[in-house]
Amino acid sequence: MDFFTDTSSIFLCAVSAAALDLCVLVLILIAYNEKKHAQQYWNRISGCMELSAPDVSYPLNCGEILIGRHASADIRLPDLSVSRYHAILTVSDGIWTITDIGSKSGIFVNGTLVTERILRENDVINLGNKRLIFRRRRNNNVH
């Protein structure tokens, strides 16, 4: 009788472990699928844009991006012509806007001084001596 009790206990443990493994696998698949859909949604909202300088590209991968010289800026431009907190980029329904947040040298978009401007692909943005191009992401040399 002990043999059957031990065998059934081992069998129940094995079935329980298999059921637990199956549950974990299902959760992993659901999380992967959710991540994939979230990325597709973000790409639709953001338009897969980036700010590009001659030597580096900055992906725009959140809804609000602080640009400045300060170490806490999302896009840090270590140049004294750039204010510590120079500008903020925001996106809403795929439309990116740049806003000056009290910089000393201002923001120029395509050569025009602006306090706020909706950005379009290939706009040239000057923050102090720094020149950035607003463009569709190219995935190479991403900062």
C-alpha atoms as a PDB file:
ATOM      1  CA  MET A   1       0.000   0.000   0.000  1.00  0.00           C
ATOM      2  CA  ASP A   2       2.891   2.380   0.681  1.00  0.00           C
ATOM      3  CA  PHE A   3       4.147   1.928  -2.878  1.00  0.00           C
ATOM      4  CA  PHE A   4       0.814   3.134  -4.323  1.00  0.00           C
ATOM      5  CA  THR A   5       0.619   6.032  -1.868  1.00  0.00           C
ATOM      6  CA  ASP A   6       4.177   7.143  -2.687  1.00  0.00           C
ATOM      7  CA  THR A   7       3.562   6.721  -6.420  1.00  0.00           C
ATOM      8  CA  SER A   8       0.322   8.701  -6.331  1.00  0.00           C
ATOM      9  CA  SER A   9       1.983  11.453  -4.268  1.00  0.00           C
ATOM     10  CA  ILE A  10       4.831  11.701  -6.785  1.00  0.00           C
ATOM     11  CA  PHE A  11       2.326  11.675  -9.632  1.00  0.00           C
ATOM     12  CA  LEU A  12       0.277  14.482  -8.003  1.00  0.00           C
ATOM     13  CA  CYS A  13       3.474  16.520  -7.430  1.00  0.00           C
ATOM     14  CA  ALA A  14       4.479  16.051 -11.065  1.00  0.00           C
ATOM     15  CA  VAL A  15       1.010  17.076 -12.298  1.00  0.00           C
ATOM     16  CA  SER A  16       1.049  20.119  -9.990  1.00  0.00           C
ATOM     17  CA  ALA A  17       4.506  21.147 -11.218  1.00  0.00           C
ATOM     18  CA  ALA A  18       3.430  20.743 -14.851  1.00  0.00           C
ATOM     19  CA  ALA A  19       0.291  22.825 -14.217  1.00  0.00           C
ATOM     20  CA  LEU A  20       2.388  25.529 -12.559  1.00  0.00           C
ATOM     21  CA  ASP A  21       4.851  25.512 -15.480  1.00  0.00           C
ATOM     22  CA  LEU A  22       1.940  25.833 -17.909  1.00  0.00           C
ATOM     23  CA  CYS A  23       0.550  28.817 -15.947  1.00  0.00           C
ATOM     24  CA  VAL A  24       3.964  30.525 -15.999  1.00  0.00           C
ATOM     25  CA  LEU A  25       4.277  29.912 -19.741  1.00  0.00           C
ATOM     26  CA  VAL A  26       0.825  31.407 -20.359  1.00  0.00           C
ATOM     27  CA  LEU A  27       1.737  34.491 -18.277  1.00  0.00           C
ATOM     28  CA  ILE A  28       5.000  34.941 -20.209  1.00  0.00           C
ATOM     29  CA  LEU A  29       3.157  34.703 -23.535  1.00  0.00           C
ATOM     30  CA  ILE A  30       0.532  37.218 -22.390  1.00  0.00           C
ATOM     31  CA  ALA A  31       3.229  39.650 -21.170  1.00  0.00           C
ATOM     32  CA  TYR A  32       5.144  39.322 -24.458  1.00  0.00           C
ATOM     33  CA  ASN A  33       1.976  39.949 -26.471  1.00  0.00           C
ATOM     34  CA  GLU A  34       1.075  42.961 -24.316  1.00  0.00           C
ATOM     35  CA  LYS A  35       4.581  44.407 -24.717  1.00  0.00           C
ATOM     36  CA  LYS A  36       4.379  43.957 -28.495  1.00  0.00           C
ATOM     37  CA  HIS A  37       1.011  45.724 -28.679  1.00  0.00           C
ATOM     38  CA  ALA A  38       2.202  48.511 -26.363  1.00  0.00           C
ATOM     39  CA  GLN A  39       5.231  49.088 -28.625  1.00  0.00           C
ATOM     40  CA  GLN A  40       3.012  49.189 -31.718  1.00  0.00           C
ATOM     41  CA  TYR A  41       0.694  51.664 -29.960  1.00  0.00           C
ATOM     42  CA  TRP A  42       3.641  53.855 -28.908  1.00  0.00           C
ATOM     43  CA  ASN A  43       5.046  53.784 -32.457  1.00  0.00           C
ATOM     44  CA  ARG A  44       1.660  54.948 -33.754  1.00  0.00           C
ATOM     45  CA  ILE A  45       1.484  57.760 -31.177  1.00  0.00           C
ATOM     46  CA  SER A  46       5.104  58.882 -31.436  1.00  0.00           C
ATOM     47  CA  GLY A  47       5.706  58.349 -35.137  1.00  0.00           C
ATOM     48  CA  CYS A  48       9.068  56.673 -34.315  1.00  0.00           C
ATOM     49  CA  MET A  49      10.838  60.033 -34.267  1.00  0.00           C
ATOM     50  CA  GLU A  50      14.288  61.034 -33.027  1.00  0.00           C
ATOM     51  CA  LEU A  51      16.457  64.096 -32.634  1.00  0.00           C
ATOM     52  CA  SER A  52      19.631  63.695 -34.608  1.00  0.00           C
ATOM     53  CA  ALA A  53      22.952  65.516 -34.230  1.00  0.00           C
ATOM     54  CA  PRO A  54      25.980  64.901 -36.454  1.00  0.00           C
ATOM     55  CA  ASP A  55      27.497  62.404 -33.992  1.00  0.00           C
ATOM     56  CA  VAL A  56      24.530  60.958 -32.091  1.00  0.00           C
ATOM     57  CA  SER A  57      20.780  60.330 -32.295  1.00  0.00           C
ATOM     58  CA  TYR A  58      18.331  60.600 -29.422  1.00  0.00           C
ATOM     59  CA  PRO A  59      15.231  58.394 -29.694  1.00  0.00           C
ATOM     60  CA  LEU A  60      12.046  60.103 -28.563  1.00  0.00           C
ATOM     61  CA  ASN A  61      10.656  57.234 -26.538  1.00  0.00           C
ATOM     62  CA  CYS A  62       8.388  58.864 -23.968  1.00  0.00           C
ATOM     63  CA  GLY A  63       5.603  61.427 -24.007  1.00  0.00           C
ATOM     64  CA  GLU A  64       7.564  64.257 -22.396  1.00  0.00           C
ATOM     65  CA  ILE A  65      11.289  64.848 -22.893  1.00  0.00           C
ATOM     66  CA  LEU A  66      13.349  67.495 -21.128  1.00  0.00           C
ATOM     67  CA  ILE A  67      16.269  68.918 -23.113  1.00  0.00           C
ATOM     68  CA  GLY A  68      19.066  70.852 -21.462  1.00  0.00           C
ATOM     69  CA  ARG A  69      22.581  71.006 -20.087  1.00  0.00           C
ATOM     70  CA  HIS A  70      21.696  69.690 -16.607  1.00  0.00           C
ATOM     71  CA  ALA A  71      22.536  66.082 -15.734  1.00  0.00           C
ATOM     72  CA  SER A  72      18.859  65.353 -15.016  1.00  0.00           C
ATOM     73  CA  ALA A  73      17.745  66.273 -18.558  1.00  0.00           C
ATOM     74  CA  ASP A  74      16.427  63.403 -20.681  1.00  0.00           C
ATOM     75  CA  ILE A  75      18.487  64.707 -23.601  1.00  0.00           C
ATOM     76  CA  ARG A  76      21.636  66.237 -22.162  1.00  0.00           C
ATOM     77  CA  LEU A  77      23.512  68.715 -24.343  1.00  0.00           C
ATOM     78  CA  PRO A  78      26.710  69.579 -22.443  1.00  0.00           C
ATOM     79  CA  ASP A  79      27.327  72.985 -24.017  1.00  0.00           C
ATOM     80  CA  LEU A  80      27.324  76.330 -22.157  1.00  0.00           C
ATOM     81  CA  SER A  81      25.165  77.881 -24.903  1.00  0.00           C
ATOM     82  CA  VAL A  82      22.360  75.509 -23.881  1.00  0.00           C
ATOM     83  CA  SER A  83      20.411  76.390 -20.723  1.00  0.00           C
ATOM     84  CA  ARG A  84      20.299  73.875 -17.887  1.00  0.00           C
ATOM     85  CA  TYR A  85      16.586  73.382 -18.612  1.00  0.00           C
ATOM     86  CA  HIS A  86      16.173  74.629 -22.168  1.00  0.00           C
ATOM     87  CA  ALA A  87      13.149  73.003 -23.789  1.00  0.00           C
ATOM     88  CA  ILE A  88      10.568  70.297 -23.465  1.00  0.00           C
ATOM     89  CA  LEU A  89       9.296  68.000 -26.212  1.00  0.00           C
ATOM     90  CA  THR A  90       5.795  66.571 -25.880  1.00  0.00           C
ATOM     91  CA  VAL A  91       3.743  64.282 -28.078  1.00  0.00           C
ATOM     92  CA  SER A  92      -0.022  64.006 -28.369  1.00  0.00           C
ATOM     93  CA  ASP A  93      -1.761  61.900 -31.028  1.00  0.00           C
ATOM     94  CA  GLY A  94       1.448  61.679 -33.051  1.00  0.00           C
ATOM     95  CA  ILE A  95       2.058  65.430 -33.029  1.00  0.00           C
ATOM     96  CA  TRP A  96       5.345  66.527 -31.443  1.00  0.00           C
ATOM     97  CA  THR A  97       5.658  70.004 -29.956  1.00  0.00           C
ATOM     98  CA  ILE A  98       8.777  71.770 -28.703  1.00  0.00           C
ATOM     99  CA  THR A  99       8.398  74.451 -26.023  1.00  0.00           C
ATOM    100  CA  ASP A 100      10.995  76.862 -24.656  1.00  0.00           C
ATOM    101  CA  ILE A 101      10.988  76.663 -20.862  1.00  0.00           C
ATOM    102  CA  GLY A 102      12.796  79.902 -20.088  1.00  0.00           C
ATOM    103  CA  SER A 103      16.088  79.405 -21.903  1.00  0.00           C
ATOM    104  CA  LYS A 104      18.490  82.322 -22.330  1.00  0.00           C
ATOM    105  CA  SER A 105      19.306  81.750 -25.997  1.00  0.00           C
ATOM    106  CA  GLY A 106      15.864  80.607 -27.189  1.00  0.00           C
ATOM    107  CA  ILE A 107      14.817  77.929 -29.650  1.00  0.00           C
ATOM    108  CA  PHE A 108      15.102  78.320 -33.392  1.00  0.00           C
ATOM    109  CA  VAL A 109      13.135  75.990 -35.666  1.00  0.00           C
ATOM    110  CA  ASN A 110      14.204  76.243 -39.300  1.00  0.00           C
ATOM    111  CA  GLY A 111      15.878  79.577 -38.485  1.00  0.00           C
ATOM    112  CA  THR A 112      12.843  81.166 -36.803  1.00  0.00           C
ATOM    113  CA  LEU A 113      12.849  82.040 -33.098  1.00  0.00           C
ATOM    114  CA  VAL A 114       9.904  80.278 -31.410  1.00  0.00           C
ATOM    115  CA  THR A 115       8.543  79.821 -27.918  1.00  0.00           C
ATOM    116  CA  GLU A 116       6.418  76.836 -28.978  1.00  0.00           C
ATOM    117  CA  ARG A 117       6.179  75.025 -32.287  1.00  0.00           C
ATOM    118  CA  ILE A 118       4.623  71.875 -33.713  1.00  0.00           C
ATOM    119  CA  LEU A 119       7.437  69.916 -35.305  1.00  0.00           C
ATOM    120  CA  ARG A 120       7.435  68.316 -38.710  1.00  0.00           C
ATOM    121  CA  GLU A 121       9.837  65.745 -40.100  1.00  0.00           C
ATOM    122  CA  ASN A 122      13.257  67.194 -41.016  1.00  0.00           C
ATOM    123  CA  ASP A 123      12.774  70.407 -39.015  1.00  0.00           C
ATOM    124  CA  VAL A 124      16.115  71.851 -37.929  1.00  0.00           C
ATOM    125  CA  ILE A 125      16.176  72.845 -34.248  1.00  0.00           C
ATOM    126  CA  ASN A 126      18.878  75.107 -32.821  1.00  0.00           C
ATOM    127  CA  LEU A 127      19.321  75.217 -29.055  1.00  0.00           C
ATOM    128  CA  GLY A 128      22.236  77.550 -28.368  1.00  0.00           C
ATOM    129  CA  ASN A 129      25.084  76.306 -30.586  1.00  0.00           C
ATOM    130  CA  LYS A 130      23.587  72.817 -30.875  1.00  0.00           C
ATOM    131  CA  ARG A 131      21.843  71.823 -34.110  1.00  0.00           C
ATOM    132  CA  LEU A 132      19.389  68.919 -34.054  1.00  0.00           C
ATOM    133  CA  ILE A 133      17.229  67.472 -36.792  1.00  0.00           C
ATOM    134  CA  PHE A 134      13.769  66.114 -35.999  1.00  0.00           C
ATOM    135  CA  ARG A 135      13.399  63.005 -38.149  1.00  0.00           C
ATOM    136  CA  ARG A 136      12.067  59.478 -38.377  1.00  0.00           C
ATOM    137  CA  ARG A 137      14.187  57.019 -36.364  1.00  0.00           C
ATOM    138  CA  ARG A 138      16.966  55.250 -38.213  1.00  0.00           C
ATOM    139  CA  ASN A 139      18.190  52.868 -35.419  1.00  0.00           C
ATOM    140  CA  ASN A 140      21.905  53.420 -36.061  1.00  0.00           C
ATOM    141  CA  ASN A 141      24.125  55.274 -33.576  1.00  0.00           C
ATOM    142  CA  VAL A 142      21.282  55.668 -31.037  1.00  0.00           C
ATOM    143  CA  HIS A 143      22.341  57.383 -27.793  1.00  0.00           C
END
